[in-house]
Amino acid sequence: MKKLNENEKNLVFDVMNGVLLDNKNYATQIPFEIASGLDLFEELPEKWDIDADKLIDKLNEMTDEDFLVLKDEIEEFWK
């Protein structure tokens, strides 16, 4: 997996604010939520100074284990 940088993670945390993560389907839910968030809130890449296409590419390369770590980081961030 290509590691997400700090700004990419902040965008992920921003999009996932208030989203209830499914304990079984998070590996498909997280990229879906991020893609949807980028479509709905076009200003997010500029806000977080990231390349949205590169973020999507990184998410597409992630494994289920990578998403488990990211899920835990999201939940910890919003605790």
Protein backbone atom coordinates (compact mmCIF):
# COMPACT_ATOMS: atom_id res chain seq x y z
CA MET A 1 0.00 0.00 0.00
CA LYS A 2 1.12 3.52 -0.68
CA LYS A 3 0.86 5.24 2.66
CA LEU A 4 -1.59 8.10 2.90
CA ASN A 5 0.08 11.38 3.78
CA GLU A 6 -1.21 13.58 6.60
CA ASN A 7 -3.39 15.75 4.35
CA GLU A 8 -4.90 12.71 2.62
CA LYS A 9 -5.75 11.21 6.01
CA ASN A 10 -7.28 14.50 7.12
CA LEU A 11 -9.50 14.50 4.03
CA VAL A 12 -10.52 10.91 4.82
CA PHE A 13 -11.30 11.89 8.43
CA ASP A 14 -13.23 14.93 7.18
CA VAL A 15 -15.37 12.86 4.80
CA MET A 16 -15.94 10.12 7.36
CA ASN A 17 -17.20 12.53 10.05
CA GLY A 18 -20.52 11.14 11.23
CA VAL A 19 -20.37 8.01 9.06
CA LEU A 20 -21.17 4.78 10.90
CA LEU A 21 -18.63 2.22 9.72
CA ASP A 22 -19.87 -1.29 9.04
CA ASN A 23 -17.67 -3.79 10.90
CA LYS A 24 -17.88 -6.27 8.02
CA ASN A 25 -17.90 -4.14 4.87
CA TYR A 26 -15.53 -1.30 5.76
CA ALA A 27 -13.06 -2.28 3.01
CA THR A 28 -15.66 -1.39 0.37
CA GLN A 29 -17.48 1.25 2.40
CA ILE A 30 -14.49 3.53 3.03
CA PRO A 31 -13.47 4.01 -0.63
CA PHE A 32 -17.14 4.41 -1.60
CA GLU A 33 -17.64 7.11 1.06
CA ILE A 34 -14.46 8.92 -0.01
CA ALA A 35 -15.38 8.85 -3.71
CA SER A 36 -18.89 10.06 -2.88
CA GLY A 37 -17.53 12.80 -0.64
CA LEU A 38 -15.18 13.99 -3.36
CA ASP A 39 -18.08 14.13 -5.81
CA LEU A 40 -20.35 16.00 -3.39
CA PHE A 41 -17.76 18.39 -1.96
CA GLU A 42 -15.54 19.41 -4.84
CA GLU A 43 -13.61 21.85 -2.62
CA LEU A 44 -12.16 19.10 -0.39
CA PRO A 45 -8.99 18.43 -2.43
CA GLU A 46 -8.17 22.13 -2.37
CA LYS A 47 -9.04 22.42 1.34
CA TRP A 48 -6.62 19.62 2.19
CA ASP A 49 -4.11 20.37 -0.60
CA ILE A 50 -4.22 16.89 -2.12
CA ASP A 51 -4.58 15.33 -5.56
CA ALA A 52 -7.94 13.52 -5.50
CA ASP A 53 -6.98 11.13 -8.31
CA LYS A 54 -3.84 10.06 -6.44
CA LEU A 55 -5.85 9.50 -3.28
CA ILE A 56 -8.33 7.31 -5.17
CA ASP A 57 -5.41 5.38 -6.72
CA LYS A 58 -3.95 4.77 -3.26
CA LEU A 59 -7.31 3.60 -1.93
CA ASN A 60 -7.67 1.22 -4.88
CA GLU A 61 -4.29 -0.33 -4.00
CA MET A 62 -5.18 -0.95 -0.37
CA THR A 63 -5.77 -4.42 1.05
CA ASP A 64 -8.44 -5.44 3.55
CA GLU A 65 -5.77 -5.26 6.25
CA ASP A 66 -4.87 -1.71 5.19
CA PHE A 67 -8.53 -0.74 5.44
CA LEU A 68 -8.78 -2.29 8.91
CA VAL A 69 -5.93 -0.04 10.06
CA LEU A 70 -7.55 2.98 8.39
CA LYS A 71 -10.92 2.10 9.93
CA ASP A 72 -9.32 2.02 13.38
CA GLU A 73 -7.63 5.38 12.72
CA ILE A 74 -10.93 6.92 11.62
CA GLU A 75 -12.75 5.63 14.69
CA GLU A 76 -9.95 6.80 16.99
CA PHE A 77 -9.89 10.24 15.37
CA TRP A 78 -13.62 10.77 15.91
CA LYS A 79 -13.77 9.32 19.45
